[in-house]
Amino acid sequence: MAVDTDTVRRIARLARIRVEEAELEKLAQDLSSIFEWVEQLDEVDTTDVAPMTSVENMPMKKRPDEVTDGNCPEDILANAPMREGNFFVVPKVVE
């Protein structure tokens, strides 16, 4: 995909970044090269390749999913401006 200077100018405007006029042509060439590289990657057949989370085949480290509250509600609520029992009191934000 070839990118022209008008496209770079539009992308810069949408990204809210300032690009000098002298840099537009170089950025257009760079973006075109990046898109060509991505198009090459799209040609690779990955139908029989399993998704990977790492370069090495290793199991993910997992911790047990246990719910804890720290067992110290008084310490947690000590600086609360308002509380009710072991809960924070906050202003209503939804009508």
N, C-alpha and C. Protein backbone atom coordinates (compact mmCIF):
# COMPACT_ATOMS: atom_id res chain seq x y z
N MET A 1 0.85 -1.18 0.00
CA MET A 1 0.00 0.00 0.00
C MET A 1 0.89 1.24 0.00
N ALA A 2 0.73 2.06 -0.96
CA ALA A 2 1.51 3.29 -1.05
C ALA A 2 0.80 4.40 -0.30
N VAL A 3 1.57 5.12 0.50
CA VAL A 3 1.03 6.23 1.28
C VAL A 3 1.58 7.52 0.69
N ASP A 4 0.68 8.47 0.42
CA ASP A 4 1.14 9.75 -0.13
C ASP A 4 1.19 10.80 0.99
N THR A 5 1.68 11.97 0.64
CA THR A 5 1.86 13.02 1.66
C THR A 5 0.53 13.52 2.20
N ASP A 6 -0.52 13.50 1.39
CA ASP A 6 -1.83 13.93 1.88
C ASP A 6 -2.34 12.98 2.97
N THR A 7 -2.08 11.68 2.79
CA THR A 7 -2.49 10.69 3.80
C THR A 7 -1.70 10.90 5.08
N VAL A 8 -0.41 11.15 4.97
CA VAL A 8 0.41 11.40 6.16
C VAL A 8 -0.08 12.66 6.87
N ARG A 9 -0.40 13.69 6.11
CA ARG A 9 -0.91 14.93 6.70
C ARG A 9 -2.21 14.66 7.45
N ARG A 10 -3.09 13.84 6.87
CA ARG A 10 -4.37 13.52 7.51
C ARG A 10 -4.16 12.68 8.77
N ILE A 11 -3.25 11.70 8.71
CA ILE A 11 -2.95 10.87 9.88
C ILE A 11 -2.39 11.73 11.00
N ALA A 12 -1.49 12.64 10.65
CA ALA A 12 -0.91 13.53 11.66
C ALA A 12 -1.98 14.40 12.30
N ARG A 13 -2.91 14.89 11.49
CA ARG A 13 -3.99 15.71 12.04
C ARG A 13 -4.88 14.90 12.97
N LEU A 14 -5.21 13.68 12.57
CA LEU A 14 -6.04 12.83 13.41
C LEU A 14 -5.33 12.44 14.71
N ALA A 15 -4.01 12.24 14.63
CA ALA A 15 -3.23 11.89 15.82
C ALA A 15 -2.86 13.12 16.64
N ARG A 16 -3.19 14.28 16.11
CA ARG A 16 -2.90 15.55 16.76
C ARG A 16 -1.41 15.73 17.03
N ILE A 17 -0.61 15.40 16.01
CA ILE A 17 0.83 15.64 16.09
C ILE A 17 1.23 16.59 14.97
N ARG A 18 2.20 17.41 15.27
CA ARG A 18 2.67 18.37 14.28
C ARG A 18 3.77 17.73 13.44
N VAL A 19 3.60 17.77 12.15
CA VAL A 19 4.61 17.25 11.22
C VAL A 19 4.96 18.37 10.26
N GLU A 20 6.24 18.67 10.20
CA GLU A 20 6.71 19.73 9.31
C GLU A 20 6.54 19.29 7.85
N GLU A 21 6.31 20.23 6.98
CA GLU A 21 6.13 19.94 5.55
C GLU A 21 7.32 19.19 4.97
N ALA A 22 8.52 19.51 5.44
CA ALA A 22 9.72 18.87 4.91
C ALA A 22 9.80 17.39 5.30
N GLU A 23 9.11 17.00 6.35
CA GLU A 23 9.16 15.61 6.83
C GLU A 23 8.09 14.73 6.19
N LEU A 24 7.10 15.31 5.53
CA LEU A 24 5.97 14.54 5.01
C LEU A 24 6.41 13.47 4.03
N GLU A 25 7.26 13.79 3.09
CA GLU A 25 7.67 12.82 2.08
C GLU A 25 8.41 11.64 2.71
N LYS A 26 9.32 11.92 3.63
CA LYS A 26 10.07 10.85 4.31
C LYS A 26 9.12 9.96 5.11
N LEU A 27 8.16 10.55 5.82
CA LEU A 27 7.19 9.76 6.58
C LEU A 27 6.31 8.92 5.65
N ALA A 28 5.97 9.46 4.51
CA ALA A 28 5.17 8.70 3.54
C ALA A 28 5.94 7.47 3.06
N GLN A 29 7.22 7.65 2.79
CA GLN A 29 8.05 6.50 2.37
C GLN A 29 8.17 5.48 3.49
N ASP A 30 8.39 5.95 4.74
CA ASP A 30 8.52 5.05 5.88
C ASP A 30 7.23 4.26 6.10
N LEU A 31 6.10 4.94 6.06
CA LEU A 31 4.83 4.25 6.26
C LEU A 31 4.56 3.25 5.13
N SER A 32 4.89 3.62 3.91
CA SER A 32 4.73 2.69 2.78
C SER A 32 5.57 1.44 2.99
N SER A 33 6.80 1.61 3.46
CA SER A 33 7.67 0.46 3.72
C SER A 33 7.10 -0.43 4.81
N ILE A 34 6.55 0.18 5.86
CA ILE A 34 5.95 -0.59 6.95
C ILE A 34 4.76 -1.39 6.44
N PHE A 35 3.91 -0.75 5.65
CA PHE A 35 2.73 -1.44 5.12
C PHE A 35 3.12 -2.57 4.17
N GLU A 36 4.17 -2.37 3.39
CA GLU A 36 4.66 -3.44 2.51
C GLU A 36 5.14 -4.62 3.33
N TRP A 37 5.83 -4.36 4.44
CA TRP A 37 6.31 -5.43 5.32
C TRP A 37 5.14 -6.19 5.93
N VAL A 38 4.11 -5.47 6.36
CA VAL A 38 2.92 -6.12 6.93
C VAL A 38 2.23 -6.97 5.86
N GLU A 39 2.17 -6.49 4.64
CA GLU A 39 1.58 -7.27 3.55
C GLU A 39 2.37 -8.56 3.32
N GLN A 40 3.69 -8.50 3.46
CA GLN A 40 4.51 -9.72 3.33
C GLN A 40 4.16 -10.69 4.44
N LEU A 41 3.98 -10.20 5.65
CA LEU A 41 3.61 -11.07 6.76
C LEU A 41 2.26 -11.73 6.53
N ASP A 42 1.36 -11.01 5.87
CA ASP A 42 0.03 -11.54 5.60
C ASP A 42 0.09 -12.73 4.65
N GLU A 43 1.14 -12.85 3.87
CA GLU A 43 1.27 -13.95 2.92
C GLU A 43 1.71 -15.25 3.57
N VAL A 44 2.20 -15.20 4.80
CA VAL A 44 2.68 -16.40 5.48
C VAL A 44 1.49 -17.27 5.89
N ASP A 45 1.57 -18.56 5.58
CA ASP A 45 0.50 -19.50 5.93
C ASP A 45 0.68 -19.94 7.38
N THR A 46 -0.25 -19.56 8.24
CA THR A 46 -0.18 -19.91 9.66
C THR A 46 -1.35 -20.79 10.09
N THR A 47 -1.96 -21.52 9.15
CA THR A 47 -3.14 -22.32 9.48
C THR A 47 -2.82 -23.43 10.47
N ASP A 48 -1.64 -24.04 10.40
CA ASP A 48 -1.31 -25.14 11.30
C ASP A 48 -0.41 -24.71 12.46
N VAL A 49 -0.28 -23.43 12.70
CA VAL A 49 0.56 -22.92 13.78
C VAL A 49 -0.33 -22.60 14.97
N ALA A 50 -0.01 -23.21 16.10
CA ALA A 50 -0.78 -22.96 17.32
C ALA A 50 -0.43 -21.60 17.89
N PRO A 51 -1.41 -20.91 18.47
CA PRO A 51 -1.12 -19.62 19.11
C PRO A 51 -0.12 -19.82 20.26
N MET A 52 0.76 -18.86 20.42
CA MET A 52 1.80 -18.97 21.45
C MET A 52 1.73 -17.78 22.39
N THR A 53 2.09 -18.02 23.65
CA THR A 53 2.22 -16.95 24.61
C THR A 53 3.67 -16.61 24.87
N SER A 54 4.56 -17.47 24.39
CA SER A 54 5.99 -17.27 24.60
C SER A 54 6.75 -17.95 23.46
N VAL A 55 8.02 -17.62 23.32
CA VAL A 55 8.84 -18.25 22.30
C VAL A 55 9.09 -19.72 22.69
N GLU A 56 9.25 -19.96 23.99
CA GLU A 56 9.45 -21.33 24.48
C GLU A 56 8.12 -21.91 24.90
N ASN A 57 7.98 -23.21 24.74
CA ASN A 57 6.75 -23.89 25.15
C ASN A 57 6.81 -24.16 26.65
N MET A 58 6.18 -23.30 27.42
CA MET A 58 6.17 -23.48 28.87
C MET A 58 4.78 -23.13 29.39
N PRO A 59 4.38 -23.79 30.46
CA PRO A 59 3.05 -23.47 31.00
C PRO A 59 3.05 -22.09 31.65
N MET A 60 1.88 -21.45 31.60
CA MET A 60 1.76 -20.15 32.24
C MET A 60 1.71 -20.33 33.75
N LYS A 61 2.36 -19.42 34.46
CA LYS A 61 2.32 -19.46 35.91
C LYS A 61 0.96 -18.96 36.36
N LYS A 62 0.32 -19.73 37.20
CA LYS A 62 -1.01 -19.35 37.68
C LYS A 62 -1.01 -19.42 39.19
N ARG A 63 -1.77 -18.54 39.79
CA ARG A 63 -1.95 -18.58 41.23
C ARG A 63 -3.38 -19.00 41.52
N PRO A 64 -3.62 -19.54 42.69
CA PRO A 64 -5.00 -19.91 43.00
C PRO A 64 -5.88 -18.66 43.07
N ASP A 65 -7.09 -18.77 42.58
CA ASP A 65 -8.02 -17.65 42.56
C ASP A 65 -8.78 -17.63 43.88
N GLU A 66 -8.19 -16.98 44.88
CA GLU A 66 -8.80 -16.91 46.20
C GLU A 66 -9.14 -15.46 46.51
N VAL A 67 -10.35 -15.24 46.96
CA VAL A 67 -10.78 -13.89 47.31
C VAL A 67 -10.38 -13.62 48.76
N THR A 68 -9.61 -12.54 48.94
CA THR A 68 -9.24 -12.14 50.30
C THR A 68 -9.45 -10.64 50.41
N ASP A 69 -9.74 -10.18 51.59
CA ASP A 69 -9.92 -8.76 51.82
C ASP A 69 -8.76 -8.17 52.61
N GLY A 70 -7.71 -8.95 52.81
CA GLY A 70 -6.57 -8.47 53.57
C GLY A 70 -6.75 -8.69 55.06
N ASN A 71 -7.98 -8.98 55.46
CA ASN A 71 -8.30 -9.27 56.86
C ASN A 71 -7.93 -8.12 57.79
N CYS A 72 -8.02 -6.88 57.30
CA CYS A 72 -7.73 -5.71 58.14
C CYS A 72 -8.63 -4.54 57.74
N PRO A 73 -9.96 -4.69 57.88
CA PRO A 73 -10.86 -3.62 57.44
C PRO A 73 -10.67 -2.32 58.19
N GLU A 74 -10.31 -2.37 59.46
CA GLU A 74 -10.11 -1.13 60.21
C GLU A 74 -8.94 -0.32 59.66
N ASP A 75 -7.85 -1.00 59.31
CA ASP A 75 -6.70 -0.30 58.73
C ASP A 75 -7.05 0.29 57.37
N ILE A 76 -7.82 -0.44 56.58
CA ILE A 76 -8.18 0.02 55.24
C ILE A 76 -9.12 1.22 55.31
N LEU A 77 -10.07 1.21 56.25
CA LEU A 77 -11.07 2.26 56.35
C LEU A 77 -10.66 3.40 57.27
N ALA A 78 -9.46 3.37 57.81
CA ALA A 78 -9.04 4.39 58.78
C ALA A 78 -9.07 5.80 58.19
N ASN A 79 -8.77 5.96 56.91
CA ASN A 79 -8.73 7.29 56.29
C ASN A 79 -9.97 7.60 55.46
N ALA A 80 -10.98 6.75 55.53
CA ALA A 80 -12.19 7.00 54.75
C ALA A 80 -12.92 8.22 55.29
N PRO A 81 -13.33 9.16 54.44
CA PRO A 81 -14.06 10.34 54.93
C PRO A 81 -15.41 9.95 55.53
N MET A 82 -16.06 8.94 54.93
CA MET A 82 -17.34 8.45 55.47
C MET A 82 -17.35 6.94 55.31
N ARG A 83 -17.91 6.26 56.29
CA ARG A 83 -18.01 4.81 56.21
C ARG A 83 -19.29 4.35 56.89
N GLU A 84 -19.71 3.18 56.49
CA GLU A 84 -20.87 2.56 57.11
C GLU A 84 -20.52 1.10 57.32
N GLY A 85 -20.28 0.71 58.55
CA GLY A 85 -19.80 -0.64 58.83
C GLY A 85 -18.41 -0.80 58.25
N ASN A 86 -18.20 -1.84 57.47
CA ASN A 86 -16.91 -2.07 56.84
C ASN A 86 -16.91 -1.65 55.37
N PHE A 87 -17.70 -0.61 55.02
CA PHE A 87 -17.82 -0.18 53.64
C PHE A 87 -17.55 1.32 53.53
N PHE A 88 -17.02 1.74 52.38
CA PHE A 88 -16.87 3.15 52.07
C PHE A 88 -18.22 3.72 51.69
N VAL A 89 -18.52 4.94 52.10
CA VAL A 89 -19.73 5.65 51.66
C VAL A 89 -19.29 6.67 50.62
N VAL A 90 -19.89 6.59 49.43
CA VAL A 90 -19.53 7.50 48.35
C VAL A 90 -20.78 8.19 47.85
N PRO A 91 -20.63 9.39 47.25
CA PRO A 91 -21.81 10.07 46.74
C PRO A 91 -22.42 9.32 45.57
N LYS A 92 -23.71 9.45 45.42
CA LYS A 92 -24.42 8.84 44.32
C LYS A 92 -24.04 9.53 43.03
N VAL A 93 -23.68 8.73 42.00
CA VAL A 93 -23.27 9.32 40.72
C VAL A 93 -24.21 8.97 39.58
N VAL A 94 -25.15 8.08 39.79
CA VAL A 94 -26.08 7.67 38.75
C VAL A 94 -27.48 8.08 39.20
N GLU A 95 -28.19 8.75 38.32
CA GLU A 95 -29.57 9.17 38.64
C GLU A 95 -30.53 8.05 38.41
